[in-house]
Amino acid sequence: DSSGKSLTFVRETARTLLGLRSQRYTVTGGGNPPELFADSASGK
């Protein structure tokens, strides 16, 4: 989120949270160029 707090979800929890029928999906965001992160937003 905008305050830097992060939430991570795994496997079935992630799938059901998004209301999907399968764990085969992709997520894309719009507009800005790719950035590299070591392990978090602060490691850009």
PDB file of all heavy atoms in Angstrom:
ATOM      1  N   ASP A   1       0.829  -1.200   0.000  1.00  0.00           N
ATOM      2  CA  ASP A   1       0.000   0.000   0.000  1.00  0.00           C
ATOM      3  C   ASP A   1       0.867   1.256   0.000  1.00  0.00           C
ATOM      4  O   ASP A   1       2.093   1.184   0.063  1.00  0.00           O
ATOM      5  CB  ASP A   1      -1.001  -0.021   1.154  1.00  0.00           C
ATOM      6  CG  ASP A   1      -0.386   0.161   2.530  1.00  0.00           C
ATOM      7  OD1 ASP A   1       0.792   0.562   2.636  1.00  0.00           O
ATOM      8  OD2 ASP A   1      -1.096  -0.092   3.511  1.00  0.00           O
ATOM      9  N   SER A   2       0.213   2.409  -0.082  1.00  0.00           N
ATOM     10  CA  SER A   2       0.934   3.675  -0.210  1.00  0.00           C
ATOM     11  C   SER A   2       1.771   4.018   1.027  1.00  0.00           C
ATOM     12  O   SER A   2       2.696   4.823   0.933  1.00  0.00           O
ATOM     13  CB  SER A   2      -0.047   4.809  -0.517  1.00  0.00           C
ATOM     14  OG  SER A   2      -1.027   4.896   0.505  1.00  0.00           O
ATOM     15  N   SER A   3       1.500   3.395   2.157  1.00  0.00           N
ATOM     16  CA  SER A   3       2.315   3.642   3.351  1.00  0.00           C
ATOM     17  C   SER A   3       3.516   2.702   3.435  1.00  0.00           C
ATOM     18  O   SER A   3       4.308   2.791   4.353  1.00  0.00           O
ATOM     19  CB  SER A   3       1.457   3.494   4.613  1.00  0.00           C
ATOM     20  OG  SER A   3       1.084   2.138   4.800  1.00  0.00           O
ATOM     21  N   GLY A   4       3.628   1.771   2.462  1.00  0.00           N
ATOM     22  CA  GLY A   4       4.742   0.829   2.449  1.00  0.00           C
ATOM     23  C   GLY A   4       4.439  -0.497   3.102  1.00  0.00           C
ATOM     24  O   GLY A   4       5.261  -1.409   3.082  1.00  0.00           O
ATOM     25  N   LYS A   5       3.255  -0.640   3.697  1.00  0.00           N
ATOM     26  CA  LYS A   5       2.866  -1.904   4.321  1.00  0.00           C
ATOM     27  C   LYS A   5       2.588  -2.933   3.233  1.00  0.00           C
ATOM     28  O   LYS A   5       1.985  -2.622   2.210  1.00  0.00           O
ATOM     29  CB  LYS A   5       1.620  -1.718   5.175  1.00  0.00           C
ATOM     30  CG  LYS A   5       1.172  -2.971   5.884  1.00  0.00           C
ATOM     31  CD  LYS A   5      -0.066  -2.749   6.719  1.00  0.00           C
ATOM     32  CE  LYS A   5      -0.527  -4.059   7.322  1.00  0.00           C
ATOM     33  NZ  LYS A   5      -1.791  -3.923   8.020  1.00  0.00           N
ATOM     34  N   SER A   6       3.046  -4.161   3.463  1.00  0.00           N
ATOM     35  CA  SER A   6       2.830  -5.195   2.456  1.00  0.00           C
ATOM     36  C   SER A   6       2.106  -6.397   3.055  1.00  0.00           C
ATOM     37  O   SER A   6       2.228  -6.683   4.240  1.00  0.00           O
ATOM     38  CB  SER A   6       4.155  -5.646   1.849  1.00  0.00           C
ATOM     39  OG  SER A   6       4.963  -6.271   2.811  1.00  0.00           O
ATOM     40  N   LEU A   7       1.350  -7.060   2.198  1.00  0.00           N
ATOM     41  CA  LEU A   7       0.657  -8.296   2.549  1.00  0.00           C
ATOM     42  C   LEU A   7       0.994  -9.332   1.495  1.00  0.00           C
ATOM     43  O   LEU A   7       0.921  -9.056   0.301  1.00  0.00           O
ATOM     44  CB  LEU A   7      -0.854  -8.084   2.593  1.00  0.00           C
ATOM     45  CG  LEU A   7      -1.383  -7.171   3.693  1.00  0.00           C
ATOM     46  CD1 LEU A   7      -2.857  -6.863   3.458  1.00  0.00           C
ATOM     47  CD2 LEU A   7      -1.196  -7.833   5.041  1.00  0.00           C
ATOM     48  N   THR A   8       1.347 -10.524   1.934  1.00  0.00           N
ATOM     49  CA  THR A   8       1.701 -11.611   1.038  1.00  0.00           C
ATOM     50  C   THR A   8       0.717 -12.754   1.232  1.00  0.00           C
ATOM     51  O   THR A   8       0.361 -13.082   2.363  1.00  0.00           O
ATOM     52  CB  THR A   8       3.134 -12.102   1.333  1.00  0.00           C
ATOM     53  OG1 THR A   8       4.031 -10.988   1.186  1.00  0.00           O
ATOM     54  CG2 THR A   8       3.547 -13.210   0.384  1.00  0.00           C
ATOM     55  N   PHE A   9       0.289 -13.346   0.126  1.00  0.00           N
ATOM     56  CA  PHE A   9      -0.627 -14.477   0.161  1.00  0.00           C
ATOM     57  C   PHE A   9      -0.047 -15.596  -0.688  1.00  0.00           C
ATOM     58  O   PHE A   9       0.572 -15.340  -1.712  1.00  0.00           O
ATOM     59  CB  PHE A   9      -2.012 -14.082  -0.376  1.00  0.00           C
ATOM     60  CG  PHE A   9      -2.654 -12.992   0.422  1.00  0.00           C
ATOM     61  CD1 PHE A   9      -2.482 -11.669   0.062  1.00  0.00           C
ATOM     62  CD2 PHE A   9      -3.406 -13.287   1.544  1.00  0.00           C
ATOM     63  CE1 PHE A   9      -3.064 -10.649   0.796  1.00  0.00           C
ATOM     64  CE2 PHE A   9      -3.989 -12.287   2.291  1.00  0.00           C
ATOM     65  CZ  PHE A   9      -3.817 -10.956   1.919  1.00  0.00           C
ATOM     66  N   VAL A  10      -0.262 -16.849  -0.277  1.00  0.00           N
ATOM     67  CA  VAL A  10       0.301 -17.985  -1.000  1.00  0.00           C
ATOM     68  C   VAL A  10      -0.790 -18.933  -1.485  1.00  0.00           C
ATOM     69  O   VAL A  10      -1.887 -18.980  -0.925  1.00  0.00           O
ATOM     70  CB  VAL A  10       1.330 -18.770  -0.144  1.00  0.00           C
ATOM     71  CG1 VAL A  10       2.523 -17.907   0.197  1.00  0.00           C
ATOM     72  CG2 VAL A  10       0.697 -19.326   1.106  1.00  0.00           C
ATOM     73  N   ARG A  11      -0.467 -19.652  -2.524  1.00  0.00           N
ATOM     74  CA  ARG A  11      -1.245 -20.737  -3.114  1.00  0.00           C
ATOM     75  C   ARG A  11      -2.741 -20.485  -3.150  1.00  0.00           C
ATOM     76  O   ARG A  11      -3.218 -19.530  -3.727  1.00  0.00           O
ATOM     77  CB  ARG A  11      -0.924 -22.046  -2.410  1.00  0.00           C
ATOM     78  CG  ARG A  11       0.530 -22.412  -2.547  1.00  0.00           C
ATOM     79  CD  ARG A  11       0.792 -23.730  -1.902  1.00  0.00           C
ATOM     80  NE  ARG A  11       2.221 -23.972  -1.916  1.00  0.00           N
ATOM     81  CZ  ARG A  11       2.748 -25.157  -1.969  1.00  0.00           C
ATOM     82  NH1 ARG A  11       1.988 -26.217  -1.999  1.00  0.00           N
ATOM     83  NH2 ARG A  11       4.037 -25.294  -1.982  1.00  0.00           N
ATOM     84  N   GLU A  12      -3.502 -21.386  -2.532  1.00  0.00           N
ATOM     85  CA  GLU A  12      -4.965 -21.333  -2.575  1.00  0.00           C
ATOM     86  C   GLU A  12      -5.516 -20.054  -1.946  1.00  0.00           C
ATOM     87  O   GLU A  12      -6.530 -19.526  -2.396  1.00  0.00           O
ATOM     88  CB  GLU A  12      -5.579 -22.550  -1.874  1.00  0.00           C
ATOM     89  CG  GLU A  12      -5.495 -23.820  -2.683  1.00  0.00           C
ATOM     90  CD  GLU A  12      -6.307 -23.746  -3.966  1.00  0.00           C
ATOM     91  OE1 GLU A  12      -7.500 -23.394  -3.930  1.00  0.00           O
ATOM     92  OE2 GLU A  12      -5.737 -24.036  -5.028  1.00  0.00           O
ATOM     93  N   THR A  13      -4.856 -19.548  -0.915  1.00  0.00           N
ATOM     94  CA  THR A  13      -5.324 -18.318  -0.280  1.00  0.00           C
ATOM     95  C   THR A  13      -5.283 -17.167  -1.283  1.00  0.00           C
ATOM     96  O   THR A  13      -6.222 -16.373  -1.368  1.00  0.00           O
ATOM     97  CB  THR A  13      -4.459 -17.974   0.953  1.00  0.00           C
ATOM     98  OG1 THR A  13      -4.458 -19.095   1.830  1.00  0.00           O
ATOM     99  CG2 THR A  13      -4.981 -16.758   1.673  1.00  0.00           C
ATOM    100  N   ALA A  14      -4.209 -17.085  -2.053  1.00  0.00           N
ATOM    101  CA  ALA A  14      -4.096 -16.043  -3.075  1.00  0.00           C
ATOM    102  C   ALA A  14      -5.166 -16.210  -4.143  1.00  0.00           C
ATOM    103  O   ALA A  14      -5.822 -15.246  -4.545  1.00  0.00           O
ATOM    104  CB  ALA A  14      -2.704 -16.089  -3.710  1.00  0.00           C
ATOM    105  N   ARG A  15      -5.370 -17.429  -4.589  1.00  0.00           N
ATOM    106  CA  ARG A  15      -6.362 -17.707  -5.637  1.00  0.00           C
ATOM    107  C   ARG A  15      -7.766 -17.342  -5.171  1.00  0.00           C
ATOM    108  O   ARG A  15      -8.510 -16.652  -5.870  1.00  0.00           O
ATOM    109  CB  ARG A  15      -6.309 -19.180  -6.038  1.00  0.00           C
ATOM    110  CG  ARG A  15      -7.316 -19.545  -7.116  1.00  0.00           C
ATOM    111  CD  ARG A  15      -7.406 -21.047  -7.297  1.00  0.00           C
ATOM    112  NE  ARG A  15      -7.982 -21.737  -6.165  1.00  0.00           N
ATOM    113  CZ  ARG A  15      -9.285 -21.774  -5.871  1.00  0.00           C
ATOM    114  NH1 ARG A  15     -10.154 -21.149  -6.620  1.00  0.00           N
ATOM    115  NH2 ARG A  15      -9.719 -22.461  -4.831  1.00  0.00           N
ATOM    116  N   THR A  16      -8.143 -17.788  -3.985  1.00  0.00           N
ATOM    117  CA  THR A  16      -9.500 -17.535  -3.506  1.00  0.00           C
ATOM    118  C   THR A  16      -9.703 -16.066  -3.156  1.00  0.00           C
ATOM    119  O   THR A  16     -10.791 -15.532  -3.348  1.00  0.00           O
ATOM    120  CB  THR A  16      -9.857 -18.434  -2.306  1.00  0.00           C
ATOM    121  OG1 THR A  16      -8.883 -18.261  -1.281  1.00  0.00           O
ATOM    122  CG2 THR A  16      -9.905 -19.884  -2.705  1.00  0.00           C
ATOM    123  N   LEU A  17      -8.674 -15.390  -2.666  1.00  0.00           N
ATOM    124  CA  LEU A  17      -8.755 -13.965  -2.390  1.00  0.00           C
ATOM    125  C   LEU A  17      -9.127 -13.194  -3.658  1.00  0.00           C
ATOM    126  O   LEU A  17      -9.923 -12.262  -3.623  1.00  0.00           O
ATOM    127  CB  LEU A  17      -7.421 -13.453  -1.854  1.00  0.00           C
ATOM    128  CG  LEU A  17      -7.308 -11.949  -1.652  1.00  0.00           C
ATOM    129  CD1 LEU A  17      -8.051 -11.542  -0.389  1.00  0.00           C
ATOM    130  CD2 LEU A  17      -5.859 -11.530  -1.560  1.00  0.00           C
ATOM    131  N   LEU A  18      -8.586 -13.619  -4.790  1.00  0.00           N
ATOM    132  CA  LEU A  18      -8.854 -12.955  -6.062  1.00  0.00           C
ATOM    133  C   LEU A  18     -10.113 -13.484  -6.753  1.00  0.00           C
ATOM    134  O   LEU A  18     -10.510 -12.977  -7.796  1.00  0.00           O
ATOM    135  CB  LEU A  18      -7.651 -13.125  -7.001  1.00  0.00           C
ATOM    136  CG  LEU A  18      -6.351 -12.488  -6.508  1.00  0.00           C
ATOM    137  CD1 LEU A  18      -5.190 -12.873  -7.407  1.00  0.00           C
ATOM    138  CD2 LEU A  18      -6.493 -10.978  -6.408  1.00  0.00           C
ATOM    139  N   GLY A  19     -10.723 -14.523  -6.183  1.00  0.00           N
ATOM    140  CA  GLY A  19     -11.942 -15.082  -6.763  1.00  0.00           C
ATOM    141  C   GLY A  19     -11.702 -15.836  -8.057  1.00  0.00           C
ATOM    142  O   GLY A  19     -12.569 -15.870  -8.933  1.00  0.00           O
ATOM    143  N   LEU A  20     -10.546 -16.475  -8.168  1.00  0.00           N
ATOM    144  CA  LEU A  20     -10.191 -17.192  -9.392  1.00  0.00           C
ATOM    145  C   LEU A  20     -10.450 -18.685  -9.258  1.00  0.00           C
ATOM    146  O   LEU A  20     -10.470 -19.219  -8.153  1.00  0.00           O
ATOM    147  CB  LEU A  20      -8.716 -16.957  -9.725  1.00  0.00           C
ATOM    148  CG  LEU A  20      -8.325 -15.497  -9.933  1.00  0.00           C
ATOM    149  CD1 LEU A  20      -6.826 -15.374 -10.086  1.00  0.00           C
ATOM    150  CD2 LEU A  20      -9.049 -14.908 -11.128  1.00  0.00           C
ATOM    151  N   ARG A  21     -10.602 -19.359 -10.387  1.00  0.00           N
ATOM    152  CA  ARG A  21     -10.854 -20.804 -10.398  1.00  0.00           C
ATOM    153  C   ARG A  21      -9.580 -21.622 -10.508  1.00  0.00           C
ATOM    154  O   ARG A  21      -9.605 -22.828 -10.360  1.00  0.00           O
ATOM    155  CB  ARG A  21     -11.778 -21.152 -11.561  1.00  0.00           C
ATOM    156  CG  ARG A  21     -13.136 -20.537 -11.427  1.00  0.00           C
ATOM    157  CD  ARG A  21     -13.995 -20.902 -12.597  1.00  0.00           C
ATOM    158  NE  ARG A  21     -15.319 -20.349 -12.435  1.00  0.00           N
ATOM    159  CZ  ARG A  21     -16.202 -20.252 -13.386  1.00  0.00           C
ATOM    160  NH1 ARG A  21     -15.918 -20.684 -14.596  1.00  0.00           N
ATOM    161  NH2 ARG A  21     -17.379 -19.733 -13.164  1.00  0.00           N
ATOM    162  N   SER A  22      -8.480 -20.986 -10.831  1.00  0.00           N
ATOM    163  CA  SER A  22      -7.228 -21.695 -11.039  1.00  0.00           C
ATOM    164  C   SER A  22      -6.071 -20.874 -10.482  1.00  0.00           C
ATOM    165  O   SER A  22      -6.163 -19.658 -10.360  1.00  0.00           O
ATOM    166  CB  SER A  22      -7.019 -21.929 -12.541  1.00  0.00           C
ATOM    167  OG  SER A  22      -5.722 -22.431 -12.801  1.00  0.00           O
ATOM    168  N   GLN A  23      -4.977 -21.542 -10.175  1.00  0.00           N
ATOM    169  CA  GLN A  23      -3.764 -20.868  -9.740  1.00  0.00           C
ATOM    170  C   GLN A  23      -2.888 -20.474 -10.919  1.00  0.00           C
ATOM    171  O   GLN A  23      -1.770 -20.004 -10.735  1.00  0.00           O
ATOM    172  CB  GLN A  23      -2.984 -21.762  -8.780  1.00  0.00           C
ATOM    173  CG  GLN A  23      -3.636 -21.842  -7.424  1.00  0.00           C
ATOM    174  CD  GLN A  23      -2.910 -22.736  -6.474  1.00  0.00           C
ATOM    175  OE1 GLN A  23      -3.513 -23.592  -5.876  1.00  0.00           O
ATOM    176  NE2 GLN A  23      -1.617 -22.572  -6.324  1.00  0.00           N
ATOM    177  N   ARG A  24      -3.381 -20.631 -12.121  1.00  0.00           N
ATOM    178  CA  ARG A  24      -2.622 -20.253 -13.316  1.00  0.00           C
ATOM    179  C   ARG A  24      -3.142 -18.891 -13.774  1.00  0.00           C
ATOM    180  O   ARG A  24      -4.149 -18.780 -14.436  1.00  0.00           O
ATOM    181  CB  ARG A  24      -2.773 -21.288 -14.427  1.00  0.00           C
ATOM    182  CG  ARG A  24      -1.846 -20.974 -15.605  1.00  0.00           C
ATOM    183  CD  ARG A  24      -1.925 -21.989 -16.713  1.00  0.00           C
ATOM    184  NE  ARG A  24      -1.046 -23.106 -16.733  1.00  0.00           N
ATOM    185  CZ  ARG A  24       0.269 -23.122 -16.570  1.00  0.00           C
ATOM    186  NH1 ARG A  24       0.896 -22.044 -16.276  1.00  0.00           N
ATOM    187  NH2 ARG A  24       0.960 -24.222 -16.670  1.00  0.00           N
ATOM    188  N   TYR A  25      -2.397 -17.828 -13.394  1.00  0.00           N
ATOM    189  CA  TYR A  25      -2.780 -16.478 -13.784  1.00  0.00           C
ATOM    190  C   TYR A  25      -1.557 -15.567 -13.753  1.00  0.00           C
ATOM    191  O   TYR A  25      -0.498 -15.935 -13.237  1.00  0.00           O
ATOM    192  CB  TYR A  25      -3.884 -15.924 -12.879  1.00  0.00           C
ATOM    193  CG  TYR A  25      -3.558 -15.864 -11.409  1.00  0.00           C
ATOM    194  CD1 TYR A  25      -3.003 -14.727 -10.839  1.00  0.00           C
ATOM    195  CD2 TYR A  25      -3.817 -16.948 -10.582  1.00  0.00           C
ATOM    196  CE1 TYR A  25      -2.710 -14.673  -9.486  1.00  0.00           C
ATOM    197  CE2 TYR A  25      -3.540 -16.901  -9.230  1.00  0.00           C
ATOM    198  CZ  TYR A  25      -2.989 -15.760  -8.696  1.00  0.00           C
ATOM    199  OH  TYR A  25      -2.705 -15.716  -7.351  1.00  0.00           O
ATOM    200  N   THR A  26      -1.726 -14.402 -14.343  1.00  0.00           N
ATOM    201  CA  THR A  26      -0.680 -13.392 -14.328  1.00  0.00           C
ATOM    202  C   THR A  26      -1.281 -12.098 -13.802  1.00  0.00           C
ATOM    203  O   THR A  26      -2.491 -11.891 -13.852  1.00  0.00           O
ATOM    204  CB  THR A  26      -0.100 -13.132 -15.732  1.00  0.00           C
ATOM    205  OG1 THR A  26      -1.160 -12.703 -16.597  1.00  0.00           O
ATOM    206  CG2 THR A  26       0.564 -14.374 -16.295  1.00  0.00           C
ATOM    207  N   VAL A  27      -0.426 -11.230 -13.310  1.00  0.00           N
ATOM    208  CA  VAL A  27      -0.841  -9.917 -12.835  1.00  0.00           C
ATOM    209  C   VAL A  27       0.005  -8.893 -13.552  1.00  0.00           C
ATOM    210  O   VAL A  27       1.232  -9.003 -13.589  1.00  0.00           O
ATOM    211  CB  VAL A  27      -0.635  -9.780 -11.306  1.00  0.00           C
ATOM    212  CG1 VAL A  27      -0.978  -8.373 -10.840  1.00  0.00           C
ATOM    213  CG2 VAL A  27      -1.434 -10.823 -10.553  1.00  0.00           C
ATOM    214  N   THR A  28      -0.645  -7.904 -14.146  1.00  0.00           N
ATOM    215  CA  THR A  28       0.084  -6.809 -14.778  1.00  0.00           C
ATOM    216  C   THR A  28      -0.455  -5.500 -14.249  1.00  0.00           C
ATOM    217  O   THR A  28      -1.611  -5.394 -13.869  1.00  0.00           O
ATOM    218  CB  THR A  28      -0.044  -6.843 -16.314  1.00  0.00           C
ATOM    219  OG1 THR A  28      -1.427  -6.854 -16.664  1.00  0.00           O
ATOM    220  CG2 THR A  28       0.641  -8.065 -16.898  1.00  0.00           C
ATOM    221  N   GLY A  29       0.401  -4.522 -14.208  1.00  0.00           N
ATOM    222  CA  GLY A  29       0.012  -3.181 -13.792  1.00  0.00           C
ATOM    223  C   GLY A  29       0.246  -2.243 -14.950  1.00  0.00           C
ATOM    224  O   GLY A  29       0.932  -2.585 -15.905  1.00  0.00           O
ATOM    225  N   GLY A  30      -0.292  -1.074 -14.853  1.00  0.00           N
ATOM    226  CA  GLY A  30      -0.214  -0.195 -16.009  1.00  0.00           C
ATOM    227  C   GLY A  30       0.723   0.971 -15.840  1.00  0.00           C
ATOM    228  O   GLY A  30       0.993   1.425 -14.756  1.00  0.00           O
ATOM    229  N   GLY A  31       1.237   1.393 -16.944  1.00  0.00           N
ATOM    230  CA  GLY A  31       1.814   2.709 -17.049  1.00  0.00           C
ATOM    231  C   GLY A  31       3.285   2.911 -16.835  1.00  0.00           C
ATOM    232  O   GLY A  31       3.909   3.541 -17.652  1.00  0.00           O
ATOM    233  N   ASN A  32       3.868   2.446 -15.807  1.00  0.00           N
ATOM    234  CA  ASN A  32       5.234   2.832 -15.489  1.00  0.00           C
ATOM    235  C   ASN A  32       6.237   1.760 -15.888  1.00  0.00           C
ATOM    236  O   ASN A  32       5.906   0.591 -15.984  1.00  0.00           O
ATOM    237  CB  ASN A  32       5.344   3.140 -13.998  1.00  0.00           C
ATOM    238  CG  ASN A  32       4.436   4.292 -13.610  1.00  0.00           C
ATOM    239  OD1 ASN A  32       4.363   5.271 -14.330  1.00  0.00           O
ATOM    240  ND2 ASN A  32       3.731   4.160 -12.507  1.00  0.00           N
ATOM    241  N   PRO A  33       7.495   2.135 -16.092  1.00  0.00           N
ATOM    242  CA  PRO A  33       8.503   1.175 -16.557  1.00  0.00           C
ATOM    243  C   PRO A  33       8.874   0.151 -15.498  1.00  0.00           C
ATOM    244  O   PRO A  33       8.650   0.375 -14.310  1.00  0.00           O
ATOM    245  CB  PRO A  33       9.711   2.061 -16.889  1.00  0.00           C
ATOM    246  CG  PRO A  33       9.534   3.262 -16.032  1.00  0.00           C
ATOM    247  CD  PRO A  33       8.048   3.475 -15.900  1.00  0.00           C
ATOM    248  N   PRO A  34       9.475  -0.980 -15.921  1.00  0.00           N
ATOM    249  CA  PRO A  34       9.883  -2.002 -14.957  1.00  0.00           C
ATOM    250  C   PRO A  34      10.937  -1.468 -13.995  1.00  0.00           C
ATOM    251  O   PRO A  34      11.745  -0.638 -14.354  1.00  0.00           O
ATOM    252  CB  PRO A  34      10.483  -3.112 -15.830  1.00  0.00           C
ATOM    253  CG  PRO A  34      10.057  -2.808 -17.203  1.00  0.00           C
ATOM    254  CD  PRO A  34       9.777  -1.351 -17.283  1.00  0.00           C
ATOM    255  N   GLU A  35      10.881  -1.959 -12.781  1.00  0.00           N
ATOM    256  CA  GLU A  35      11.899  -1.634 -11.791  1.00  0.00           C
ATOM    257  C   GLU A  35      12.409  -2.928 -11.185  1.00  0.00           C
ATOM    258  O   GLU A  35      11.682  -3.906 -11.106  1.00  0.00           O
ATOM    259  CB  GLU A  35      11.322  -0.722 -10.706  1.00  0.00           C
ATOM    260  CG  GLU A  35      10.925   0.643 -11.238  1.00  0.00           C
ATOM    261  CD  GLU A  35      10.512   1.609 -10.149  1.00  0.00           C
ATOM    262  OE1 GLU A  35      10.284   1.173  -9.007  1.00  0.00           O
ATOM    263  OE2 GLU A  35      10.420   2.805 -10.455  1.00  0.00           O
ATOM    264  N   LEU A  36      13.652  -2.942 -10.769  1.00  0.00           N
ATOM    265  CA  LEU A  36      14.242  -4.119 -10.141  1.00  0.00           C
ATOM    266  C   LEU A  36      14.247  -3.933  -8.631  1.00  0.00           C
ATOM    267  O   LEU A  36      14.579  -2.868  -8.139  1.00  0.00           O
ATOM    268  CB  LEU A  36      15.689  -4.319 -10.608  1.00  0.00           C
ATOM    269  CG  LEU A  36      15.892  -4.602 -12.077  1.00  0.00           C
ATOM    270  CD1 LEU A  36      17.383  -4.752 -12.355  1.00  0.00           C
ATOM    271  CD2 LEU A  36      15.158  -5.845 -12.491  1.00  0.00           C
ATOM    272  N   PHE A  37      13.864  -4.984  -7.929  1.00  0.00           N
ATOM    273  CA  PHE A  37      13.842  -4.948  -6.476  1.00  0.00           C
ATOM    274  C   PHE A  37      14.601  -6.153  -5.948  1.00  0.00           C
ATOM    275  O   PHE A  37      14.414  -7.257  -6.435  1.00  0.00           O
ATOM    276  CB  PHE A  37      12.402  -4.990  -5.963  1.00  0.00           C
ATOM    277  CG  PHE A  37      11.616  -3.768  -6.338  1.00  0.00           C
ATOM    278  CD1 PHE A  37      11.038  -3.658  -7.584  1.00  0.00           C
ATOM    279  CD2 PHE A  37      11.477  -2.730  -5.444  1.00  0.00           C
ATOM    280  CE1 PHE A  37      10.322  -2.528  -7.932  1.00  0.00           C
ATOM    281  CE2 PHE A  37      10.766  -1.603  -5.781  1.00  0.00           C
ATOM    282  CZ  PHE A  37      10.185  -1.494  -7.032  1.00  0.00           C
ATOM    283  N   ALA A  38      15.434  -5.950  -4.941  1.00  0.00           N
ATOM    284  CA  ALA A  38      16.161  -7.060  -4.351  1.00  0.00           C
ATOM    285  C   ALA A  38      15.226  -7.912  -3.515  1.00  0.00           C
ATOM    286  O   ALA A  38      15.183  -9.112  -3.659  1.00  0.00           O
ATOM    287  CB  ALA A  38      17.319  -6.547  -3.504  1.00  0.00           C
ATOM    288  N   ASP A  39      14.455  -7.319  -2.636  1.00  0.00           N
ATOM    289  CA  ASP A  39      13.512  -8.086  -1.831  1.00  0.00           C
ATOM    290  C   ASP A  39      12.347  -7.258  -1.336  1.00  0.00           C
ATOM    291  O   ASP A  39      11.449  -7.777  -0.714  1.00  0.00           O
ATOM    292  CB  ASP A  39      14.201  -8.774  -0.653  1.00  0.00           C
ATOM    293  CG  ASP A  39      14.870  -7.777   0.267  1.00  0.00           C
ATOM    294  OD1 ASP A  39      14.717  -6.562   0.076  1.00  0.00           O
ATOM    295  OD2 ASP A  39      15.544  -8.229   1.194  1.00  0.00           O
ATOM    296  N   SER A  40      12.350  -5.951  -1.573  1.00  0.00           N
ATOM    297  CA  SER A  40      11.265  -5.103  -1.107  1.00  0.00           C
ATOM    298  C   SER A  40      11.300  -3.794  -1.873  1.00  0.00           C
ATOM    299  O   SER A  40      12.226  -3.523  -2.631  1.00  0.00           O
ATOM    300  CB  SER A  40      11.420  -4.818   0.384  1.00  0.00           C
ATOM    301  OG  SER A  40      12.549  -3.992   0.588  1.00  0.00           O
ATOM    302  N   ALA A  41      10.299  -2.981  -1.663  1.00  0.00           N
ATOM    303  CA  ALA A  41      10.244  -1.686  -2.339  1.00  0.00           C
ATOM    304  C   ALA A  41      11.435  -0.813  -1.962  1.00  0.00           C
ATOM    305  O   ALA A  41      11.879   0.013  -2.740  1.00  0.00           O
ATOM    306  CB  ALA A  41       8.937  -0.981  -2.002  1.00  0.00           C
ATOM    307  N   SER A  42      11.995  -1.012  -0.779  1.00  0.00           N
ATOM    308  CA  SER A  42      13.126  -0.192  -0.363  1.00  0.00           C
ATOM    309  C   SER A  42      14.437  -0.644  -0.999  1.00  0.00           C
ATOM    310  O   SER A  42      15.429   0.062  -0.928  1.00  0.00           O
ATOM    311  CB  SER A  42      13.253  -0.208   1.157  1.00  0.00           C
ATOM    312  OG  SER A  42      13.534  -1.521   1.595  1.00  0.00           O
ATOM    313  N   GLY A  43      14.456  -1.807  -1.614  1.00  0.00           N
ATOM    314  CA  GLY A  43      15.685  -2.313  -2.226  1.00  0.00           C
ATOM    315  C   GLY A  43      15.737  -2.062  -3.717  1.00  0.00           C
ATOM    316  O   GLY A  43      16.283  -2.856  -4.464  1.00  0.00           O
ATOM    317  N   LYS A  44      15.170  -0.941  -4.198  1.00  0.00           N
ATOM    318  CA  LYS A  44      15.068  -0.658  -5.631  1.00  0.00           C
ATOM    319  C   LYS A  44      16.447  -0.512  -6.269  1.00  0.00           C
ATOM    320  O   LYS A  44      17.304   0.200  -5.775  1.00  0.00           O
ATOM    321  CB  LYS A  44      14.245   0.604  -5.835  1.00  0.00           C
ATOM    322  CG  LYS A  44      13.932   0.876  -7.284  1.00  0.00           C
ATOM    323  CD  LYS A  44      12.883   1.957  -7.439  1.00  0.00           C
ATOM    324  CE  LYS A  44      13.459   3.316  -7.248  1.00  0.00           C
ATOM    325  NZ  LYS A  44      12.549   4.385  -7.668  1.00  0.00           N
TER     326      LYS A  44
END
